[in-house]
C-alpha atoms as a PDB file:
ATOM      1  CA  MET A   1     -57.746 -91.469 -16.191  1.00  0.00           C
ATOM      2  CA  ALA A   2     -54.247 -90.073 -17.191  1.00  0.00           C
ATOM      3  CA  LEU A   3     -53.692 -88.239 -20.493  1.00  0.00           C
ATOM      4  CA  ASP A   4     -50.732 -87.999 -22.574  1.00  0.00           C
ATOM      5  CA  SER A   5     -50.161 -84.606 -24.318  1.00  0.00           C
ATOM      6  CA  ALA A   6     -53.918 -83.691 -25.184  1.00  0.00           C
ATOM      7  CA  THR A   7     -54.904 -83.747 -28.829  1.00  0.00           C
ATOM      8  CA  VAL A   8     -58.664 -83.607 -28.055  1.00  0.00           C
ATOM      9  CA  PRO A   9     -60.189 -80.449 -29.583  1.00  0.00           C
ATOM     10  CA  TYR A  10     -61.377 -78.190 -26.743  1.00  0.00           C
ATOM     11  CA  GLU A  11     -63.152 -74.892 -26.399  1.00  0.00           C
ATOM     12  CA  LEU A  12     -60.299 -72.910 -24.901  1.00  0.00           C
ATOM     13  CA  ARG A  13     -58.706 -69.663 -25.363  1.00  0.00           C
ATOM     14  CA  PHE A  14     -55.513 -68.207 -25.141  1.00  0.00           C
ATOM     15  CA  ASP A  15     -56.272 -64.429 -25.819  1.00  0.00           C
ATOM     16  CA  ALA A  16     -56.069 -62.380 -22.735  1.00  0.00           C
ATOM     17  CA  GLY A  17     -52.583 -61.329 -22.805  1.00  0.00           C
ATOM     18  CA  ARG A  18     -51.284 -63.355 -19.746  1.00  0.00           C
ATOM     19  CA  ILE A  19     -51.270 -66.890 -18.676  1.00  0.00           C
ATOM     20  CA  CYS A  20     -53.179 -66.002 -15.190  1.00  0.00           C
ATOM     21  CA  LEU A  21     -55.940 -64.379 -16.928  1.00  0.00           C
ATOM     22  CA  ASP A  22     -55.958 -67.148 -19.825  1.00  0.00           C
ATOM     23  CA  LEU A  23     -56.973 -69.357 -16.554  1.00  0.00           C
ATOM     24  CA  LEU A  24     -59.647 -66.781 -15.539  1.00  0.00           C
ATOM     25  CA  SER A  25     -61.245 -67.492 -19.020  1.00  0.00           C
ATOM     26  CA  THR A  26     -62.067 -71.203 -18.728  1.00  0.00           C
ATOM     27  CA  SER A  27     -64.757 -70.735 -16.263  1.00  0.00           C
ATOM     28  CA  HIS A  28     -66.659 -68.795 -19.054  1.00  0.00           C
ATOM     29  CA  PRO A  29     -69.184 -69.492 -20.649  1.00  0.00           C
ATOM     30  CA  GLU A  30     -68.938 -72.428 -18.859  1.00  0.00           C
ATOM     31  CA  GLU A  31     -66.614 -74.680 -16.755  1.00  0.00           C
ATOM     32  CA  ARG A  32     -63.661 -75.671 -18.962  1.00  0.00           C
ATOM     33  CA  LEU A  33     -61.779 -77.586 -16.263  1.00  0.00           C
ATOM     34  CA  ASP A  34     -64.062 -79.737 -15.204  1.00  0.00           C
ATOM     35  CA  ALA A  35     -61.988 -83.014 -16.028  1.00  0.00           C
ATOM     36  CA  LEU A  36     -58.446 -83.968 -16.331  1.00  0.00           C
ATOM     37  CA  ALA A  37     -58.252 -83.691 -20.263  1.00  0.00           C
ATOM     38  CA  PRO A  38     -59.310 -80.394 -21.139  1.00  0.00           C
ATOM     39  CA  LEU A  39     -56.718 -79.118 -18.472  1.00  0.00           C
ATOM     40  CA  CYS A  40     -53.867 -81.131 -19.813  1.00  0.00           C
ATOM     41  CA  ALA A  41     -55.224 -79.192 -23.244  1.00  0.00           C
ATOM     42  CA  TRP A  42     -54.917 -76.017 -21.748  1.00  0.00           C
ATOM     43  CA  ILE A  43     -51.812 -76.500 -20.074  1.00  0.00           C
ATOM     44  CA  THR A  44     -50.385 -77.349 -23.201  1.00  0.00           C
ATOM     45  CA  GLY A  45     -52.088 -74.905 -25.205  1.00  0.00           C
ATOM     46  CA  SER A  46     -50.947 -72.126 -22.542  1.00  0.00           C
ATOM     47  CA  GLY A  47     -47.338 -72.993 -23.197  1.00  0.00           C
ATOM     48  CA  LEU A  48     -46.982 -73.824 -19.505  1.00  0.00           C
ATOM     49  CA  VAL A  49     -45.034 -76.758 -20.953  1.00  0.00           C
ATOM     50  CA  PRO A  50     -43.364 -77.335 -24.149  1.00  0.00           C
ATOM     51  CA  PRO A  51     -44.917 -79.055 -26.966  1.00  0.00           C
ATOM     52  CA  GLY A  52     -44.998 -82.445 -26.904  1.00  0.00           C
ATOM     53  CA  THR A  53     -44.722 -82.966 -23.159  1.00  0.00           C
ATOM     54  CA  SER A  54     -45.958 -86.091 -21.644  1.00  0.00           C
ATOM     55  CA  LEU A  55     -48.801 -85.554 -19.002  1.00  0.00           C
ATOM     56  CA  ALA A  56     -49.440 -89.074 -18.391  1.00  0.00           C
ATOM     57  CA  HIS A  57     -48.465 -88.704 -15.003  1.00  0.00           C
ATOM     58  CA  ALA A  58     -51.572 -86.267 -14.155  1.00  0.00           C
ATOM     59  CA  ASP A  59     -54.227 -87.513 -11.968  1.00  0.00           C
ATOM     60  CA  PRO A  60     -57.932 -86.561 -11.491  1.00  0.00           C
ATOM     61  CA  SER A  61     -56.717 -84.117  -8.247  1.00  0.00           C
ATOM     62  CA  TRP A  62     -55.280 -81.729 -11.050  1.00  0.00           C
ATOM     63  CA  PRO A  63     -58.279 -80.070 -12.038  1.00  0.00           C
ATOM     64  CA  ASP A  64     -58.997 -78.979  -8.191  1.00  0.00           C
ATOM     65  CA  ALA A  65     -55.564 -77.220  -7.723  1.00  0.00           C
ATOM     66  CA  PHE A  66     -56.060 -75.446 -10.800  1.00  0.00           C
ATOM     67  CA  ARG A  67     -59.467 -74.378 -10.111  1.00  0.00           C
ATOM     68  CA  GLU A  68     -58.781 -73.344  -6.712  1.00  0.00           C
ATOM     69  CA  LEU A  69     -56.117 -71.199  -8.065  1.00  0.00           C
ATOM     70  CA  ARG A  70     -58.328 -69.409 -10.309  1.00  0.00           C
ATOM     71  CA  GLY A  71     -60.760 -68.567  -7.649  1.00  0.00           C
ATOM     72  CA  SER A  72     -57.855 -66.711  -5.776  1.00  0.00           C
ATOM     73  CA  ILE A  73     -56.739 -64.951  -8.855  1.00  0.00           C
ATOM     74  CA  GLU A  74     -60.084 -63.993  -9.831  1.00  0.00           C
ATOM     75  CA  LYS A  75     -60.742 -62.262  -6.601  1.00  0.00           C
ATOM     76  CA  LEU A  76     -57.235 -60.238  -6.593  1.00  0.00           C
ATOM     77  CA  VAL A  77     -57.779 -58.957 -10.008  1.00  0.00           C
ATOM     78  CA  ARG A  78     -61.607 -58.020  -9.472  1.00  0.00           C
ATOM     79  CA  ALA A  79     -60.178 -56.037  -6.519  1.00  0.00           C
ATOM     80  CA  CYS A  80     -57.565 -54.705  -8.717  1.00  0.00           C
ATOM     81  CA  LEU A  81     -60.252 -53.470 -11.348  1.00  0.00           C
ATOM     82  CA  ASP A  82     -62.566 -52.185  -8.600  1.00  0.00           C
ATOM     83  CA  ALA A  83     -59.628 -49.911  -7.197  1.00  0.00           C
ATOM     84  CA  ALA A  84     -58.919 -48.562 -10.386  1.00  0.00           C
ATOM     85  CA  GLU A  85     -62.426 -47.608 -10.623  1.00  0.00           C
ATOM     86  CA  ARG A  86     -62.207 -45.766  -7.619  1.00  0.00           C
ATOM     87  CA  ARG A  87     -62.615 -41.704  -7.605  1.00  0.00           C
ATOM     88  CA  PRO A  88     -59.139 -40.359  -7.158  1.00  0.00           C
ATOM     89  CA  GLY A  89     -58.031 -40.216  -2.917  1.00  0.00           C
ATOM     90  CA  GLU A  90     -60.917 -42.679  -2.165  1.00  0.00           C
ATOM     91  CA  PRO A  91     -59.319 -45.047   0.228  1.00  0.00           C
ATOM     92  CA  VAL A  92     -58.709 -48.851  -1.003  1.00  0.00           C
ATOM     93  CA  GLN A  93     -59.870 -51.153   1.578  1.00  0.00           C
ATOM     94  CA  PRO A  94     -59.569 -54.972   0.265  1.00  0.00           C
ATOM     95  CA  GLY A  95     -62.183 -57.309   1.981  1.00  0.00           C
ATOM     96  CA  ALA A  96     -61.174 -60.370   3.758  1.00  0.00           C
ATOM     97  CA  ALA A  97     -61.787 -62.613   0.950  1.00  0.00           C
ATOM     98  CA  ALA A  98     -58.928 -60.604  -1.000  1.00  0.00           C
ATOM     99  CA  ALA A  99     -56.952 -61.047   2.033  1.00  0.00           C
ATOM    100  CA  THR A 100     -57.231 -64.575   1.673  1.00  0.00           C
ATOM    101  CA  ALA A 101     -56.889 -65.059  -2.205  1.00  0.00           C
ATOM    102  CA  LEU A 102     -53.553 -62.835  -1.559  1.00  0.00           C
ATOM    103  CA  ALA A 103     -52.221 -65.354   1.034  1.00  0.00           C
ATOM    104  CA  ARG A 104     -53.149 -68.378  -1.111  1.00  0.00           C
ATOM    105  CA  VAL A 105     -51.984 -67.042  -4.173  1.00  0.00           C
ATOM    106  CA  ASN A 106     -48.683 -66.295  -2.453  1.00  0.00           C
ATOM    107  CA  ALA A 107     -48.444 -69.921  -0.861  1.00  0.00           C
ATOM    108  CA  LEU A 108     -49.032 -71.587  -4.388  1.00  0.00           C
ATOM    109  CA  ALA A 109     -46.509 -69.278  -5.862  1.00  0.00           C
ATOM    110  CA  ARG A 110     -43.699 -70.698  -3.565  1.00  0.00           C
ATOM    111  CA  PRO A 111     -42.724 -74.177  -4.783  1.00  0.00           C
ATOM    112  CA  ALA A 112     -40.259 -73.728  -8.044  1.00  0.00           C
ATOM    113  CA  PRO A 113     -41.671 -73.887 -11.396  1.00  0.00           C
ATOM    114  CA  PRO A 114     -40.728 -76.487 -13.801  1.00  0.00           C
ATOM    115  CA  ALA A 115     -37.195 -76.657 -14.624  1.00  0.00           C
ATOM    116  CA  PRO A 116     -36.280 -75.986 -18.245  1.00  0.00           C
ATOM    117  CA  ARG A 117     -33.431 -77.675 -20.190  1.00  0.00           C
ATOM    118  CA  ALA A 118     -32.278 -77.074 -23.648  1.00  0.00           C
ATOM    119  CA  VAL A 119     -32.216 -80.395 -25.949  1.00  0.00           C
ATOM    120  CA  ARG A 120     -31.386 -80.680 -29.901  1.00  0.00           C
ATOM    121  CA  ALA A 121     -34.107 -81.022 -31.831  1.00  0.00           C
ATOM    122  CA  GLU A 122     -33.943 -83.751 -34.920  1.00  0.00           C
ATOM    123  CA  ASP A 123     -32.570 -80.968 -37.296  1.00  0.00           C
ATOM    124  CA  GLY A 124     -30.134 -79.899 -34.796  1.00  0.00           C
ATOM    125  CA  ALA A 125     -31.286 -76.731 -33.549  1.00  0.00           C
ATOM    126  CA  LEU A 126     -31.714 -76.153 -29.590  1.00  0.00           C
ATOM    127  CA  VAL A 127     -35.651 -75.843 -28.246  1.00  0.00           C
ATOM    128  CA  ARG A 128     -37.006 -76.025 -24.772  1.00  0.00           C
ATOM    129  CA  ALA A 129     -37.809 -79.096 -23.006  1.00  0.00           C
ATOM    130  CA  LEU A 130     -38.220 -79.820 -19.191  1.00  0.00           C
ATOM    131  CA  ALA A 131     -35.756 -81.581 -17.071  1.00  0.00           C
ATOM    132  CA  GLY A 132     -38.584 -84.206 -15.914  1.00  0.00           C
ATOM    133  CA  PRO A 133     -42.341 -84.683 -15.499  1.00  0.00           C
ATOM    134  CA  PRO A 134     -43.585 -81.552 -14.230  1.00  0.00           C
ATOM    135  CA  GLU A 135     -45.587 -81.948 -11.275  1.00  0.00           C
ATOM    136  CA  CYS A 136     -48.777 -80.196 -10.566  1.00  0.00           C
ATOM    137  CA  ALA A 137     -47.680 -78.054  -7.540  1.00  0.00           C
ATOM    138  CA  ALA A 138     -44.882 -76.874  -9.955  1.00  0.00           C
ATOM    139  CA  LEU A 139     -47.280 -75.968 -12.902  1.00  0.00           C
ATOM    140  CA  VAL A 140     -49.582 -74.163 -10.640  1.00  0.00           C
ATOM    141  CA  ALA A 141     -46.903 -72.618  -8.938  1.00  0.00           C
ATOM    142  CA  ALA A 142     -46.078 -70.806 -12.522  1.00  0.00           C
ATOM    143  CA  VAL A 143     -48.952 -69.849 -13.029  1.00  0.00           C
ATOM    144  CA  ALA A 144     -49.358 -68.171  -9.345  1.00  0.00           C
ATOM    145  CA  ARG A 145     -46.088 -66.337 -10.109  1.00  0.00           C
ATOM    146  CA  ASP A 146     -47.570 -65.094 -12.997  1.00  0.00           C
ATOM    147  CA  ALA A 147     -50.333 -63.608 -11.506  1.00  0.00           C
ATOM    148  CA  VAL A 148     -47.844 -61.960  -8.971  1.00  0.00           C
ATOM    149  CA  GLU A 149     -45.887 -60.382 -11.426  1.00  0.00           C
ATOM    150  CA  LEU A 150     -49.117 -58.868 -13.035  1.00  0.00           C
ATOM    151  CA  LEU A 151     -50.186 -57.726  -9.941  1.00  0.00           C
ATOM    152  CA  THR A 152     -47.418 -56.160  -8.661  1.00  0.00           C
ATOM    153  CA  ASP A 153     -46.206 -54.283 -11.662  1.00  0.00           C
ATOM    154  CA  PRO A 154     -47.977 -50.747 -11.769  1.00  0.00           C
ATOM    155  CA  VAL A 155     -47.738 -50.649 -15.747  1.00  0.00           C
ATOM    156  CA  ALA A 156     -48.893 -54.126 -16.430  1.00  0.00           C
ATOM    157  CA  ARG A 157     -51.692 -53.351 -13.927  1.00  0.00           C
ATOM    158  CA  SER A 158     -52.867 -50.569 -15.407  1.00  0.00           C
ATOM    159  CA  GLY A 159     -53.588 -52.571 -18.646  1.00  0.00           C
ATOM    160  CA  LEU A 160     -56.256 -54.842 -16.773  1.00  0.00           C
ATOM    161  CA  CYS A 161     -59.567 -54.476 -18.485  1.00  0.00           C
ATOM    162  CA  ARG A 162     -63.114 -55.784 -18.094  1.00  0.00           C
ATOM    163  CA  CYS A 163     -64.695 -56.817 -21.551  1.00  0.00           C
ATOM    164  CA  ALA A 164     -67.413 -54.549 -22.790  1.00  0.00           C
ATOM    165  CA  GLY A 165     -69.180 -57.050 -24.298  1.00  0.00           C
ATOM    166  CA  ASP A 166     -72.993 -57.958 -22.792  1.00  0.00           C
ATOM    167  CA  ASN A 167     -72.755 -60.371 -20.030  1.00  0.00           C
ATOM    168  CA  CYS A 168     -68.991 -61.517 -20.349  1.00  0.00           C
ATOM    169  CA  PRO A 169     -67.241 -61.432 -17.136  1.00  0.00           C
ATOM    170  CA  ILE A 170     -63.510 -61.686 -19.067  1.00  0.00           C
ATOM    171  CA  VAL A 171     -61.056 -59.911 -18.063  1.00  0.00           C
ATOM    172  CA  TYR A 172     -57.698 -58.903 -20.287  1.00  0.00           C
ATOM    173  CA  LEU A 173     -54.554 -57.082 -20.291  1.00  0.00           C
ATOM    174  CA  ASP A 174     -54.986 -54.043 -22.922  1.00  0.00           C
ATOM    175  CA  THR A 175     -51.684 -53.464 -24.460  1.00  0.00           C
ATOM    176  CA  SER A 176     -53.059 -52.209 -27.785  1.00  0.00           C
ATOM    177  CA  ARG A 177     -51.974 -48.681 -29.130  1.00  0.00           C
ATOM    178  CA  GLY A 178     -53.880 -46.022 -27.297  1.00  0.00           C
ATOM    179  CA  ARG A 179     -55.435 -48.853 -25.366  1.00  0.00           C
ATOM    180  CA  ARG A 180     -58.655 -49.109 -27.333  1.00  0.00           C
ATOM    181  CA  ARG A 181     -59.171 -52.659 -27.001  1.00  0.00           C
ATOM    182  CA  ARG A 182     -62.749 -53.053 -25.887  1.00  0.00           C
ATOM    183  CA  TRP A 183     -63.824 -56.971 -26.244  1.00  0.00           C
ATOM    184  CA  CYS A 184     -61.736 -60.060 -24.639  1.00  0.00           C
ATOM    185  CA  SER A 185     -61.761 -61.116 -28.375  1.00  0.00           C
ATOM    186  CA  SER A 186     -62.912 -59.427 -31.629  1.00  0.00           C
ATOM    187  CA  GLU A 187     -64.372 -62.662 -33.105  1.00  0.00           C
ATOM    188  CA  VAL A 188     -66.620 -63.393 -30.291  1.00  0.00           C
ATOM    189  CA  CYS A 189     -67.866 -60.411 -28.287  1.00  0.00           C
ATOM    190  CA  GLY A 190     -66.427 -57.991 -30.958  1.00  0.00           C
ATOM    191  CA  ASN A 191     -68.519 -59.741 -33.545  1.00  0.00           C
ATOM    192  CA  ARG A 192     -71.721 -60.495 -31.589  1.00  0.00           C
ATOM    193  CA  GLU A 193     -71.853 -56.552 -30.557  1.00  0.00           C
ATOM    194  CA  ARG A 194     -71.278 -55.698 -34.491  1.00  0.00           C
ATOM    195  CA  VAL A 195     -74.428 -58.068 -35.378  1.00  0.00           C
ATOM    196  CA  ALA A 196     -76.186 -56.465 -32.612  1.00  0.00           C
ATOM    197  CA  ARG A 197     -75.627 -53.095 -34.094  1.00  0.00           C
ATOM    198  CA  HIS A 198     -76.587 -53.981 -37.245  1.00  0.00           C
ATOM    199  CA  ARG A 199     -80.044 -55.763 -36.230  1.00  0.00           C
ATOM    200  CA  ARG A 200     -80.994 -52.546 -34.145  1.00  0.00           C
ATOM    201  CA  ARG A 201     -80.219 -50.205 -37.547  1.00  0.00           C
ATOM    202  CA  ALA A 202     -81.789 -52.810 -39.461  1.00  0.00           C
ATOM    203  CA  ALA A 203     -85.027 -52.548 -37.167  1.00  0.00           C
ATOM    204  CA  LEU A 204     -84.725 -48.435 -37.236  1.00  0.00           C
ATOM    205  CA  ALA A 205     -84.836 -48.571 -40.816  1.00  0.00           C
ATOM    206  CA  ARG A 206     -88.088 -50.949 -41.154  1.00  0.00           C
ATOM    207  CA  PRO A 207     -90.888 -48.554 -42.001  1.00  0.00           C
END
C-alpha cells in the first residue's frame, strides 16, 4: 500500500552522524524496514526529502532496494573498521564480499539524486522542495553517495566507531571533542551501561 508523508510513529533513530550510518541502524535491535510505511517514515525523518514531501507513489519494492543498499554499506563500513584496527604496517586485504559490496554501492550511487528547488513558503521565505516526486533509485543514490563520500574521506572515515554497548552492532561517526564518545546513544546504550554499573556496585555493597 502506498503511503503519503508518513505520520505513524516508528522507533527509528537518526543519531549515527551520517545518513548512510543511520540506514545501518535500521536493522537493530530488529528489522525496521520490513514494510513500506516505516521506510517512508525513515526517508522523511532522515531528511532525504523535505518535510511534507509526498511519497504516495512509493511501492512495495522500495524496502528491498534500501535493504540491499544497507547490506552493501555495512560490509564496507565493517571492512574499514577492521582495517583501522589492524597493527601498523599490516596489509589490508578486503575479501570478495567487500569487493562485491563496493561495486554495488558504486553502481547504486550512479543515478542522479532528487533535484532540489527553492520555493516560497506561506510567509514568503524560501524553503527547499523537490522538482518532482522522488524516485526510489534517486533516493537510494543519495544514500549511496553519502557512503562513498564518507568512506573516501580519510578524516571523516577516522571517526567511525563501534558502539561500546554490550551486543550493540551500531556504528556511528564520533565528532565529539577529543573523540570521547563511547556509545551510539547516551540515552540507550549509555544509560543501559550506567544502570548495569549501579547494579554491580549495589551488589558489591550488600553484606
